[in-house]
Amino acid sequence: MRRGCTRCCAGTQCARLLGVYEFAGDSESYLHRVTHWLASARDGDLLVCHPSASVVPDDAISAARQAEHHALSQPAFAQALEAAGVSVSRMSLVTPGGVAR
C-alpha cells in the first residue's frame, strides 16, 4: 500500500489510505464510517473525501458528495476529530514529512 499511497499523495508519504467506500448511503452512514476511520487512524494515514455542497451535473457520485458534505458539516464530525486526536489540513498544505505547514 505504501507505494500506491505515495503516488496518490502527490509525493507525500502516507502510511494508509482511509476513506475508501462504495459511495452509497446517506450522511448518517457516512458519519458512522468517518468516525470509525478516525478512531482507527494512525500517524501518517491519509483520509480522503469528496464533499460537495451542491449537485454536480453528470457526476456519478454527486449524491455521495452531498452526503459527505452534510456529514462533515455536523458537530459530531468535529467531536470525532477531537476524540481521535486528529487534525484536518488541505493536502496542498502538507509537507513530505506529513506535517502541516
N, C-alpha and C. Protein backbone atom coordinates (compact mmCIF):
# COMPACT_ATOMS: atom_id res chain seq x y z
N MET A 1 0.81 -1.20 0.00
CA MET A 1 0.00 0.00 0.00
C MET A 1 0.86 1.26 0.00
N ARG A 2 1.99 1.21 0.64
CA ARG A 2 2.82 2.40 0.73
C ARG A 2 3.19 2.93 -0.65
N ARG A 3 3.59 2.07 -1.58
CA ARG A 3 3.98 2.53 -2.91
C ARG A 3 2.81 3.22 -3.60
N GLY A 4 1.65 2.61 -3.61
CA GLY A 4 0.48 3.22 -4.23
C GLY A 4 0.06 4.49 -3.51
N CYS A 5 0.19 4.50 -2.21
CA CYS A 5 -0.18 5.67 -1.44
C CYS A 5 0.77 6.82 -1.72
N THR A 6 2.03 6.54 -1.92
CA THR A 6 2.98 7.60 -2.23
C THR A 6 2.57 8.31 -3.51
N ARG A 7 2.14 7.57 -4.51
CA ARG A 7 1.70 8.18 -5.76
C ARG A 7 0.45 9.02 -5.53
N CYS A 8 -0.51 8.50 -4.78
CA CYS A 8 -1.77 9.22 -4.63
C CYS A 8 -1.62 10.44 -3.74
N CYS A 9 -0.61 10.49 -2.95
CA CYS A 9 -0.42 11.60 -2.02
C CYS A 9 0.49 12.67 -2.59
N ALA A 10 0.61 12.75 -3.89
CA ALA A 10 1.39 13.80 -4.56
C ALA A 10 2.79 13.90 -3.99
N GLY A 11 3.44 12.77 -3.82
CA GLY A 11 4.82 12.77 -3.34
C GLY A 11 4.95 12.72 -1.83
N THR A 12 3.84 12.84 -1.13
CA THR A 12 3.86 12.79 0.33
C THR A 12 3.73 11.34 0.78
N GLN A 13 4.54 10.93 1.71
CA GLN A 13 4.46 9.57 2.23
C GLN A 13 3.28 9.48 3.19
N CYS A 14 2.44 8.50 3.01
CA CYS A 14 1.39 8.24 3.98
C CYS A 14 1.38 6.74 4.28
N ALA A 15 1.00 6.43 5.49
CA ALA A 15 1.03 5.03 5.92
C ALA A 15 -0.12 4.22 5.32
N ARG A 16 -1.34 4.73 5.47
CA ARG A 16 -2.52 4.01 4.97
C ARG A 16 -3.50 5.01 4.37
N LEU A 17 -4.25 4.55 3.41
CA LEU A 17 -5.29 5.35 2.79
C LEU A 17 -6.63 4.96 3.40
N LEU A 18 -7.27 5.90 4.06
CA LEU A 18 -8.57 5.68 4.69
C LEU A 18 -9.63 6.47 3.93
N GLY A 19 -10.86 6.02 3.99
CA GLY A 19 -11.96 6.75 3.37
C GLY A 19 -12.51 6.10 2.12
N VAL A 20 -12.03 4.92 1.80
CA VAL A 20 -12.50 4.23 0.60
C VAL A 20 -13.79 3.48 0.94
N TYR A 21 -14.83 3.75 0.17
CA TYR A 21 -16.11 3.07 0.35
C TYR A 21 -16.85 3.08 -0.97
N GLU A 22 -18.02 2.49 -1.01
CA GLU A 22 -18.75 2.29 -2.27
C GLU A 22 -19.62 3.49 -2.68
N PHE A 23 -19.45 4.64 -2.04
CA PHE A 23 -20.23 5.85 -2.34
C PHE A 23 -21.73 5.61 -2.22
N ALA A 24 -22.12 4.79 -1.28
CA ALA A 24 -23.53 4.50 -1.03
C ALA A 24 -23.88 4.91 0.39
N GLY A 25 -25.15 5.24 0.61
CA GLY A 25 -25.63 5.57 1.94
C GLY A 25 -25.87 7.06 2.10
N ASP A 26 -26.46 7.40 3.23
CA ASP A 26 -26.78 8.79 3.50
C ASP A 26 -25.71 9.44 4.37
N SER A 27 -25.94 10.67 4.80
CA SER A 27 -24.93 11.38 5.58
C SER A 27 -24.71 10.71 6.94
N GLU A 28 -25.74 10.12 7.50
CA GLU A 28 -25.60 9.45 8.79
C GLU A 28 -24.68 8.23 8.67
N SER A 29 -24.85 7.45 7.61
CA SER A 29 -23.98 6.29 7.43
C SER A 29 -22.55 6.71 7.12
N TYR A 30 -22.39 7.83 6.37
CA TYR A 30 -21.03 8.32 6.10
C TYR A 30 -20.38 8.80 7.39
N LEU A 31 -21.14 9.51 8.23
CA LEU A 31 -20.59 9.96 9.50
C LEU A 31 -20.16 8.78 10.37
N HIS A 32 -20.93 7.72 10.34
CA HIS A 32 -20.55 6.50 11.07
C HIS A 32 -19.23 5.95 10.53
N ARG A 33 -19.10 5.89 9.21
CA ARG A 33 -17.86 5.41 8.59
C ARG A 33 -16.67 6.28 8.97
N VAL A 34 -16.84 7.60 8.80
CA VAL A 34 -15.72 8.50 9.03
C VAL A 34 -15.31 8.49 10.51
N THR A 35 -16.26 8.33 11.40
CA THR A 35 -15.94 8.21 12.83
C THR A 35 -15.09 6.97 13.08
N HIS A 36 -15.43 5.87 12.43
CA HIS A 36 -14.64 4.64 12.54
C HIS A 36 -13.25 4.83 11.97
N TRP A 37 -13.15 5.45 10.78
CA TRP A 37 -11.84 5.68 10.17
C TRP A 37 -10.97 6.55 11.06
N LEU A 38 -11.56 7.60 11.63
CA LEU A 38 -10.78 8.49 12.51
C LEU A 38 -10.31 7.76 13.75
N ALA A 39 -11.18 6.95 14.32
CA ALA A 39 -10.81 6.21 15.54
C ALA A 39 -9.69 5.22 15.27
N SER A 40 -9.60 4.72 14.05
CA SER A 40 -8.56 3.74 13.74
C SER A 40 -7.33 4.37 13.08
N ALA A 41 -7.36 5.69 12.86
CA ALA A 41 -6.25 6.37 12.19
C ALA A 41 -4.98 6.35 13.04
N ARG A 42 -3.86 6.25 12.33
CA ARG A 42 -2.54 6.31 12.96
C ARG A 42 -1.75 7.46 12.33
N ASP A 43 -0.70 7.87 12.98
CA ASP A 43 0.15 8.92 12.42
C ASP A 43 0.55 8.56 11.00
N GLY A 44 0.42 9.51 10.10
CA GLY A 44 0.82 9.31 8.72
C GLY A 44 -0.26 8.79 7.80
N ASP A 45 -1.43 8.46 8.34
CA ASP A 45 -2.54 7.99 7.50
C ASP A 45 -3.16 9.17 6.75
N LEU A 46 -3.78 8.87 5.64
CA LEU A 46 -4.47 9.87 4.84
C LEU A 46 -5.92 9.46 4.70
N LEU A 47 -6.83 10.34 5.09
CA LEU A 47 -8.27 10.11 4.92
C LEU A 47 -8.73 10.96 3.74
N VAL A 48 -9.22 10.29 2.71
CA VAL A 48 -9.71 11.01 1.53
C VAL A 48 -11.21 11.19 1.63
N CYS A 49 -11.69 12.29 1.07
CA CYS A 49 -13.13 12.52 0.99
C CYS A 49 -13.40 13.35 -0.26
N HIS A 50 -14.66 13.43 -0.62
CA HIS A 50 -15.04 14.04 -1.89
C HIS A 50 -16.28 14.92 -1.72
N PRO A 51 -16.33 15.79 -0.71
CA PRO A 51 -17.56 16.53 -0.42
C PRO A 51 -17.92 17.59 -1.45
N SER A 52 -19.22 17.82 -1.57
CA SER A 52 -19.74 18.90 -2.40
C SER A 52 -21.04 19.39 -1.77
N ALA A 53 -21.18 20.70 -1.70
CA ALA A 53 -22.39 21.28 -1.11
C ALA A 53 -23.58 21.25 -2.05
N SER A 54 -23.33 21.03 -3.34
CA SER A 54 -24.43 21.06 -4.30
C SER A 54 -24.31 19.91 -5.29
N VAL A 55 -25.36 19.74 -6.07
CA VAL A 55 -25.40 18.70 -7.10
C VAL A 55 -24.33 19.02 -8.14
N VAL A 56 -23.60 17.99 -8.54
CA VAL A 56 -22.61 18.12 -9.60
C VAL A 56 -23.18 17.39 -10.82
N PRO A 57 -23.57 18.14 -11.86
CA PRO A 57 -24.18 17.51 -13.04
C PRO A 57 -23.27 16.45 -13.66
N ASP A 58 -23.88 15.37 -14.10
CA ASP A 58 -23.17 14.28 -14.77
C ASP A 58 -22.08 13.64 -13.90
N ASP A 59 -22.22 13.72 -12.58
CA ASP A 59 -21.26 13.11 -11.67
C ASP A 59 -21.93 11.91 -11.01
N ALA A 60 -21.40 10.75 -11.26
CA ALA A 60 -21.99 9.51 -10.74
C ALA A 60 -22.02 9.45 -9.22
N ILE A 61 -21.14 10.21 -8.55
CA ILE A 61 -21.11 10.16 -7.09
C ILE A 61 -21.59 11.47 -6.46
N SER A 62 -22.37 12.23 -7.20
CA SER A 62 -22.86 13.51 -6.70
C SER A 62 -23.64 13.36 -5.39
N ALA A 63 -24.50 12.38 -5.30
CA ALA A 63 -25.28 12.17 -4.06
C ALA A 63 -24.36 11.84 -2.90
N ALA A 64 -23.34 11.03 -3.14
CA ALA A 64 -22.38 10.70 -2.08
C ALA A 64 -21.60 11.94 -1.67
N ARG A 65 -21.24 12.77 -2.63
CA ARG A 65 -20.53 14.02 -2.31
C ARG A 65 -21.36 14.91 -1.39
N GLN A 66 -22.65 15.00 -1.67
CA GLN A 66 -23.53 15.80 -0.83
C GLN A 66 -23.70 15.19 0.56
N ALA A 67 -23.79 13.88 0.63
CA ALA A 67 -23.89 13.20 1.93
C ALA A 67 -22.62 13.44 2.75
N GLU A 68 -21.46 13.36 2.08
CA GLU A 68 -20.19 13.62 2.77
C GLU A 68 -20.15 15.06 3.29
N HIS A 69 -20.52 16.01 2.45
CA HIS A 69 -20.51 17.42 2.85
C HIS A 69 -21.39 17.63 4.08
N HIS A 70 -22.58 17.07 4.03
CA HIS A 70 -23.50 17.22 5.16
C HIS A 70 -22.90 16.61 6.43
N ALA A 71 -22.36 15.42 6.33
CA ALA A 71 -21.77 14.76 7.50
C ALA A 71 -20.59 15.53 8.05
N LEU A 72 -19.73 16.03 7.17
CA LEU A 72 -18.53 16.75 7.61
C LEU A 72 -18.86 18.13 8.18
N SER A 73 -20.09 18.59 7.96
CA SER A 73 -20.53 19.88 8.48
C SER A 73 -21.17 19.76 9.86
N GLN A 74 -21.36 18.56 10.34
CA GLN A 74 -22.05 18.32 11.59
C GLN A 74 -21.12 18.45 12.80
N PRO A 75 -21.64 18.90 13.93
CA PRO A 75 -20.84 18.94 15.16
C PRO A 75 -20.27 17.57 15.53
N ALA A 76 -20.95 16.51 15.18
CA ALA A 76 -20.47 15.16 15.50
C ALA A 76 -19.14 14.86 14.81
N PHE A 77 -18.91 15.44 13.63
CA PHE A 77 -17.63 15.25 12.95
C PHE A 77 -16.51 15.93 13.74
N ALA A 78 -16.74 17.15 14.17
CA ALA A 78 -15.74 17.86 14.99
C ALA A 78 -15.47 17.08 16.28
N GLN A 79 -16.50 16.52 16.86
CA GLN A 79 -16.33 15.72 18.08
C GLN A 79 -15.51 14.47 17.80
N ALA A 80 -15.75 13.84 16.65
CA ALA A 80 -14.99 12.63 16.27
C ALA A 80 -13.52 12.97 16.05
N LEU A 81 -13.26 14.12 15.41
CA LEU A 81 -11.87 14.57 15.22
C LEU A 81 -11.18 14.75 16.57
N GLU A 82 -11.85 15.45 17.48
CA GLU A 82 -11.27 15.70 18.79
C GLU A 82 -11.04 14.40 19.56
N ALA A 83 -12.01 13.51 19.53
CA ALA A 83 -11.89 12.24 20.25
C ALA A 83 -10.72 11.40 19.72
N ALA A 84 -10.48 11.48 18.40
CA ALA A 84 -9.41 10.70 17.79
C ALA A 84 -8.06 11.42 17.85
N GLY A 85 -8.07 12.69 18.25
CA GLY A 85 -6.84 13.46 18.27
C GLY A 85 -6.29 13.71 16.88
N VAL A 86 -7.20 13.91 15.93
CA VAL A 86 -6.84 14.07 14.52
C VAL A 86 -7.10 15.51 14.11
N SER A 87 -6.23 16.04 13.26
CA SER A 87 -6.45 17.37 12.71
C SER A 87 -6.67 17.27 11.21
N VAL A 88 -7.32 18.29 10.65
CA VAL A 88 -7.64 18.33 9.23
C VAL A 88 -6.77 19.39 8.58
N SER A 89 -6.27 19.06 7.39
CA SER A 89 -5.47 20.02 6.64
C SER A 89 -5.66 19.75 5.15
N ARG A 90 -5.60 20.80 4.36
CA ARG A 90 -5.62 20.62 2.91
C ARG A 90 -4.36 19.90 2.49
N MET A 91 -4.47 19.03 1.51
CA MET A 91 -3.32 18.28 1.03
C MET A 91 -2.20 19.22 0.57
N SER A 92 -2.57 20.36 0.00
CA SER A 92 -1.57 21.30 -0.50
C SER A 92 -0.76 21.93 0.62
N LEU A 93 -1.22 21.78 1.86
CA LEU A 93 -0.51 22.37 3.00
C LEU A 93 0.33 21.35 3.75
N VAL A 94 0.31 20.11 3.30
CA VAL A 94 1.04 19.06 3.99
C VAL A 94 2.39 18.87 3.31
N THR A 95 3.42 18.85 4.12
CA THR A 95 4.79 18.67 3.60
C THR A 95 5.08 17.19 3.41
N PRO A 96 6.17 16.85 2.71
CA PRO A 96 6.52 15.42 2.54
C PRO A 96 6.65 14.66 3.85
N GLY A 97 6.95 15.33 4.93
CA GLY A 97 7.04 14.65 6.22
C GLY A 97 5.70 14.43 6.89
N GLY A 98 4.62 14.93 6.28
CA GLY A 98 3.29 14.73 6.83
C GLY A 98 2.91 15.74 7.89
N VAL A 99 3.63 16.86 7.96
CA VAL A 99 3.36 17.87 8.97
C VAL A 99 2.76 19.09 8.28
N ALA A 100 1.66 19.60 8.82
CA ALA A 100 1.05 20.78 8.22
C ALA A 100 1.99 21.97 8.34
N ARG A 101 2.08 22.74 7.26
CA ARG A 101 2.93 23.94 7.25
C ARG A 101 2.33 25.03 8.07
